[in-house]
Amino acid sequence: MHDSAAAWLMTLLAPSPLMVSLVQVATTLPLFLLALPAGALADVLDRRRILLIAQVWLFVVAALLGVLTIAGVVQPWMLLVITLAIGAGSAIDLPSWQAIIPETVSREELPAAVGLGAVANRHSGAEFGDRWSTLRCGDPRATLRVADRIADA
């Protein structure tokens, strides 16, 4: 959800294609750089503690962005830095989240839990975010695209 909202906010702050593209870079670059080290941390440290710290980090950073946006003082560079921080929190969070599944469900339920996690990830904001924001803008073609995605599920 943050990806679509941040891109939309950037179009309002600085409607340059470069700036909107930098939002996507700020979202994905931390995952690219931190996925392997975060996986190693998830193997060595307490996963619950990593998840707790990462979730608190994501909350604080998202709340900061919300306050800055509501106050009307957010600047393009602030949005990029905060998006980078959210991407870093997600990159640290994801490996621990995936690795903790076997600790939280029984062995018999593990295949279903992994499958459910994959489906939930597939149909998260990355799948619907742009379509939902287009739908909310009133593009009737977006309704068909969203309906097609739901039918495919």
C-alpha atoms as a PDB file:
ATOM      1  CA  MET A   1       0.000   0.000   0.000  1.00  0.00           C
ATOM      2  CA  HIS A   2       2.843   2.356   0.805  1.00  0.00           C
ATOM      3  CA  ASP A   3       4.306   1.944  -2.691  1.00  0.00           C
ATOM      4  CA  SER A   4       1.187   3.240  -4.421  1.00  0.00           C
ATOM      5  CA  ALA A   5       0.566   5.993  -1.887  1.00  0.00           C
ATOM      6  CA  ALA A   6       4.179   7.197  -1.982  1.00  0.00           C
ATOM      7  CA  ALA A   7       4.225   7.257  -5.782  1.00  0.00           C
ATOM      8  CA  TRP A   8       0.962   9.163  -5.790  1.00  0.00           C
ATOM      9  CA  LEU A   9       2.232  11.625  -3.185  1.00  0.00           C
ATOM     10  CA  MET A  10       5.398  12.168  -5.208  1.00  0.00           C
ATOM     11  CA  THR A  11       3.309  13.037  -8.276  1.00  0.00           C
ATOM     12  CA  LEU A  12       1.709  15.753  -6.169  1.00  0.00           C
ATOM     13  CA  LEU A  13       5.011  17.006  -4.722  1.00  0.00           C
ATOM     14  CA  ALA A  14       7.231  16.762  -7.802  1.00  0.00           C
ATOM     15  CA  PRO A  15       5.453  15.449 -10.907  1.00  0.00           C
ATOM     16  CA  SER A  16       8.715  14.493 -12.601  1.00  0.00           C
ATOM     17  CA  PRO A  17       8.956  10.911 -13.931  1.00  0.00           C
ATOM     18  CA  LEU A  18      12.450  10.717 -12.425  1.00  0.00           C
ATOM     19  CA  MET A  19      11.190  11.537  -8.940  1.00  0.00           C
ATOM     20  CA  VAL A  20       8.342   9.027  -9.172  1.00  0.00           C
ATOM     21  CA  SER A  21      10.855   6.415 -10.345  1.00  0.00           C
ATOM     22  CA  LEU A  22      13.127   7.223  -7.418  1.00  0.00           C
ATOM     23  CA  VAL A  23      10.264   6.296  -5.077  1.00  0.00           C
ATOM     24  CA  GLN A  24      10.304   2.798  -6.577  1.00  0.00           C
ATOM     25  CA  VAL A  25      14.091   2.675  -6.237  1.00  0.00           C
ATOM     26  CA  ALA A  26      13.841   3.740  -2.595  1.00  0.00           C
ATOM     27  CA  THR A  27      11.319   0.949  -2.015  1.00  0.00           C
ATOM     28  CA  THR A  28      13.245  -1.893  -3.662  1.00  0.00           C
ATOM     29  CA  LEU A  29      16.912  -0.978  -3.162  1.00  0.00           C
ATOM     30  CA  PRO A  30      16.929  -1.831   0.573  1.00  0.00           C
ATOM     31  CA  LEU A  31      15.466  -5.259  -0.169  1.00  0.00           C
ATOM     32  CA  PHE A  32      18.132  -5.852  -2.798  1.00  0.00           C
ATOM     33  CA  LEU A  33      20.938  -4.778  -0.461  1.00  0.00           C
ATOM     34  CA  LEU A  34      19.664  -6.150   2.852  1.00  0.00           C
ATOM     35  CA  ALA A  35      17.877  -9.412   1.992  1.00  0.00           C
ATOM     36  CA  LEU A  36      20.900 -11.674   2.456  1.00  0.00           C
ATOM     37  CA  PRO A  37      22.213 -10.016   5.628  1.00  0.00           C
ATOM     38  CA  ALA A  38      18.674  -9.955   7.058  1.00  0.00           C
ATOM     39  CA  GLY A  39      18.306 -13.665   6.321  1.00  0.00           C
ATOM     40  CA  ALA A  40      21.563 -14.339   8.131  1.00  0.00           C
ATOM     41  CA  LEU A  41      20.334 -12.291  11.099  1.00  0.00           C
ATOM     42  CA  ALA A  42      17.081 -14.274  11.112  1.00  0.00           C
ATOM     43  CA  ASP A  43      19.115 -17.485  11.320  1.00  0.00           C
ATOM     44  CA  VAL A  44      21.372 -16.275  14.131  1.00  0.00           C
ATOM     45  CA  LEU A  45      19.250 -13.978  16.314  1.00  0.00           C
ATOM     46  CA  ASP A  46      15.851 -14.354  17.956  1.00  0.00           C
ATOM     47  CA  ARG A  47      13.306 -13.987  15.137  1.00  0.00           C
ATOM     48  CA  ARG A  48      10.576 -12.675  17.409  1.00  0.00           C
ATOM     49  CA  ARG A  49      12.817  -9.886  18.616  1.00  0.00           C
ATOM     50  CA  ILE A  50      13.778  -8.989  15.024  1.00  0.00           C
ATOM     51  CA  LEU A  51      10.094  -8.914  14.059  1.00  0.00           C
ATOM     52  CA  LEU A  52       9.201  -6.757  17.037  1.00  0.00           C
ATOM     53  CA  ILE A  53      11.977  -4.262  16.344  1.00  0.00           C
ATOM     54  CA  ALA A  54      11.224  -4.159  12.624  1.00  0.00           C
ATOM     55  CA  GLN A  55       7.490  -3.674  13.178  1.00  0.00           C
ATOM     56  CA  VAL A  56       8.068  -0.864  15.680  1.00  0.00           C
ATOM     57  CA  TRP A  57      10.497   0.736  13.209  1.00  0.00           C
ATOM     58  CA  LEU A  58       7.932   0.503  10.398  1.00  0.00           C
ATOM     59  CA  PHE A  59       5.235   1.990  12.633  1.00  0.00           C
ATOM     60  CA  VAL A  60       7.379   4.914  13.743  1.00  0.00           C
ATOM     61  CA  VAL A  61       8.553   5.741  10.233  1.00  0.00           C
ATOM     62  CA  ALA A  62       5.048   5.444   8.751  1.00  0.00           C
ATOM     63  CA  ALA A  63       3.650   7.607  11.553  1.00  0.00           C
ATOM     64  CA  LEU A  64       6.332  10.213  10.846  1.00  0.00           C
ATOM     65  CA  LEU A  65       5.372  10.265   7.178  1.00  0.00           C
ATOM     66  CA  GLY A  66       1.709  10.574   8.114  1.00  0.00           C
ATOM     67  CA  VAL A  67       2.339  13.489  10.461  1.00  0.00           C
ATOM     68  CA  LEU A  68       4.543  15.292   7.926  1.00  0.00           C
ATOM     69  CA  THR A  69       1.978  14.767   5.184  1.00  0.00           C
ATOM     70  CA  ILE A  70      -1.001  15.886   7.259  1.00  0.00           C
ATOM     71  CA  ALA A  71       0.956  18.935   8.429  1.00  0.00           C
ATOM     72  CA  GLY A  72       1.673  19.763   4.794  1.00  0.00           C
ATOM     73  CA  VAL A  73       5.424  20.053   5.281  1.00  0.00           C
ATOM     74  CA  VAL A  74       6.591  16.886   3.499  1.00  0.00           C
ATOM     75  CA  GLN A  75       9.135  17.522   0.745  1.00  0.00           C
ATOM     76  CA  PRO A  76      10.202  15.163  -2.055  1.00  0.00           C
ATOM     77  CA  TRP A  77      13.522  14.393  -0.378  1.00  0.00           C
ATOM     78  CA  MET A  78      11.731  13.590   2.891  1.00  0.00           C
ATOM     79  CA  LEU A  79       9.425  11.177   1.088  1.00  0.00           C
ATOM     80  CA  LEU A  80      12.417   9.447  -0.528  1.00  0.00           C
ATOM     81  CA  VAL A  81      14.302   9.103   2.767  1.00  0.00           C
ATOM     82  CA  ILE A  82      11.240   7.809   4.606  1.00  0.00           C
ATOM     83  CA  THR A  83      10.450   5.391   1.782  1.00  0.00           C
ATOM     84  CA  LEU A  84      14.030   4.150   1.967  1.00  0.00           C
ATOM     85  CA  ALA A  85      13.618   3.659   5.732  1.00  0.00           C
ATOM     86  CA  ILE A  86      10.366   1.740   5.218  1.00  0.00           C
ATOM     87  CA  GLY A  87      12.074  -0.410   2.594  1.00  0.00           C
ATOM     88  CA  ALA A  88      14.916  -1.139   5.016  1.00  0.00           C
ATOM     89  CA  GLY A  89      12.456  -2.125   7.742  1.00  0.00           C
ATOM     90  CA  SER A  90      10.612  -4.420   5.351  1.00  0.00           C
ATOM     91  CA  ALA A  91      13.875  -5.977   4.171  1.00  0.00           C
ATOM     92  CA  ILE A  92      14.798  -6.811   7.775  1.00  0.00           C
ATOM     93  CA  ASP A  93      11.270  -7.992   8.607  1.00  0.00           C
ATOM     94  CA  LEU A  94      10.552 -10.351   5.683  1.00  0.00           C
ATOM     95  CA  PRO A  95      13.179 -13.075   6.206  1.00  0.00           C
ATOM     96  CA  SER A  96      12.319 -13.389   9.903  1.00  0.00           C
ATOM     97  CA  TRP A  97       8.622 -13.471   9.091  1.00  0.00           C
ATOM     98  CA  GLN A  98       9.090 -16.274   6.578  1.00  0.00           C
ATOM     99  CA  ALA A  99      11.456 -18.226   8.816  1.00  0.00           C
ATOM    100  CA  ILE A 100       9.184 -18.112  11.855  1.00  0.00           C
ATOM    101  CA  ILE A 101       6.298 -19.966  10.179  1.00  0.00           C
ATOM    102  CA  PRO A 102       7.613 -23.452  11.091  1.00  0.00           C
ATOM    103  CA  GLU A 103       7.852 -22.334  14.728  1.00  0.00           C
ATOM    104  CA  THR A 104       4.246 -21.166  14.859  1.00  0.00           C
ATOM    105  CA  VAL A 105       2.315 -24.013  13.207  1.00  0.00           C
ATOM    106  CA  SER A 106       2.356 -27.760  13.615  1.00  0.00           C
ATOM    107  CA  ARG A 107       4.210 -29.992  11.172  1.00  0.00           C
ATOM    108  CA  GLU A 108       0.922 -31.213   9.677  1.00  0.00           C
ATOM    109  CA  GLU A 109      -0.281 -27.654   9.033  1.00  0.00           C
ATOM    110  CA  LEU A 110       3.025 -26.393   7.633  1.00  0.00           C
ATOM    111  CA  PRO A 111       2.253 -26.902   3.902  1.00  0.00           C
ATOM    112  CA  ALA A 112      -1.072 -25.082   4.263  1.00  0.00           C
ATOM    113  CA  ALA A 113       0.555 -22.260   6.250  1.00  0.00           C
ATOM    114  CA  VAL A 114       3.295 -21.791   3.665  1.00  0.00           C
ATOM    115  CA  GLY A 115       0.712 -21.841   0.872  1.00  0.00           C
ATOM    116  CA  LEU A 116      -1.483 -19.335   2.677  1.00  0.00           C
ATOM    117  CA  GLY A 117       1.521 -17.075   3.223  1.00  0.00           C
ATOM    118  CA  ALA A 118       2.383 -17.238  -0.475  1.00  0.00           C
ATOM    119  CA  VAL A 119      -1.186 -16.410  -1.502  1.00  0.00           C
ATOM    120  CA  ALA A 120      -1.381 -13.551   0.992  1.00  0.00           C
ATOM    121  CA  ASN A 121       1.920 -12.178  -0.298  1.00  0.00           C
ATOM    122  CA  ARG A 122       0.835 -12.551  -3.925  1.00  0.00           C
ATOM    123  CA  HIS A 123      -2.387 -10.651  -3.340  1.00  0.00           C
ATOM    124  CA  SER A 124      -0.926  -7.954  -1.140  1.00  0.00           C
ATOM    125  CA  GLY A 125      -0.695  -4.268  -1.971  1.00  0.00           C
ATOM    126  CA  ALA A 126       1.864  -4.960  -4.697  1.00  0.00           C
ATOM    127  CA  GLU A 127      -0.814  -6.819  -6.631  1.00  0.00           C
ATOM    128  CA  PHE A 128      -3.749  -4.483  -6.039  1.00  0.00           C
ATOM    129  CA  GLY A 129      -2.177  -1.161  -5.096  1.00  0.00           C
ATOM    130  CA  ASP A 130      -1.993   0.557  -8.477  1.00  0.00           C
ATOM    131  CA  ARG A 131      -5.305  -0.890  -9.599  1.00  0.00           C
ATOM    132  CA  TRP A 132      -7.030   0.225  -6.406  1.00  0.00           C
ATOM    133  CA  SER A 133      -5.702   3.766  -6.675  1.00  0.00           C
ATOM    134  CA  THR A 134      -6.806   3.881 -10.327  1.00  0.00           C
ATOM    135  CA  LEU A 135     -10.223   2.532  -9.343  1.00  0.00           C
ATOM    136  CA  ARG A 136     -10.572   5.226  -6.689  1.00  0.00           C
ATOM    137  CA  CYS A 137      -9.771   7.870  -9.314  1.00  0.00           C
ATOM    138  CA  GLY A 138     -12.772   6.769 -11.318  1.00  0.00           C
ATOM    139  CA  ASP A 139     -11.239   4.884 -14.252  1.00  0.00           C
ATOM    140  CA  PRO A 140     -13.917   2.322 -15.216  1.00  0.00           C
ATOM    141  CA  ARG A 141     -11.325   0.045 -16.853  1.00  0.00           C
ATOM    142  CA  ALA A 142      -9.691  -0.375 -13.445  1.00  0.00           C
ATOM    143  CA  THR A 143     -12.860  -1.995 -12.126  1.00  0.00           C
ATOM    144  CA  LEU A 144     -12.504  -4.702 -14.753  1.00  0.00           C
ATOM    145  CA  ARG A 145      -8.809  -5.219 -13.948  1.00  0.00           C
ATOM    146  CA  VAL A 146      -9.533  -5.564 -10.226  1.00  0.00           C
ATOM    147  CA  ALA A 147     -12.417  -7.938 -10.918  1.00  0.00           C
ATOM    148  CA  ASP A 148     -10.161 -10.036 -13.183  1.00  0.00           C
ATOM    149  CA  ARG A 149      -7.513 -10.278 -10.451  1.00  0.00           C
ATOM    150  CA  ILE A 150     -10.077 -11.335  -7.866  1.00  0.00           C
ATOM    151  CA  ALA A 151     -11.504 -13.924 -10.267  1.00  0.00           C
ATOM    152  CA  ASP A 152      -7.995 -15.309 -10.885  1.00  0.00           C
ATOM    153  CA  ALA A 153      -7.533 -15.882  -7.153  1.00  0.00           C
END
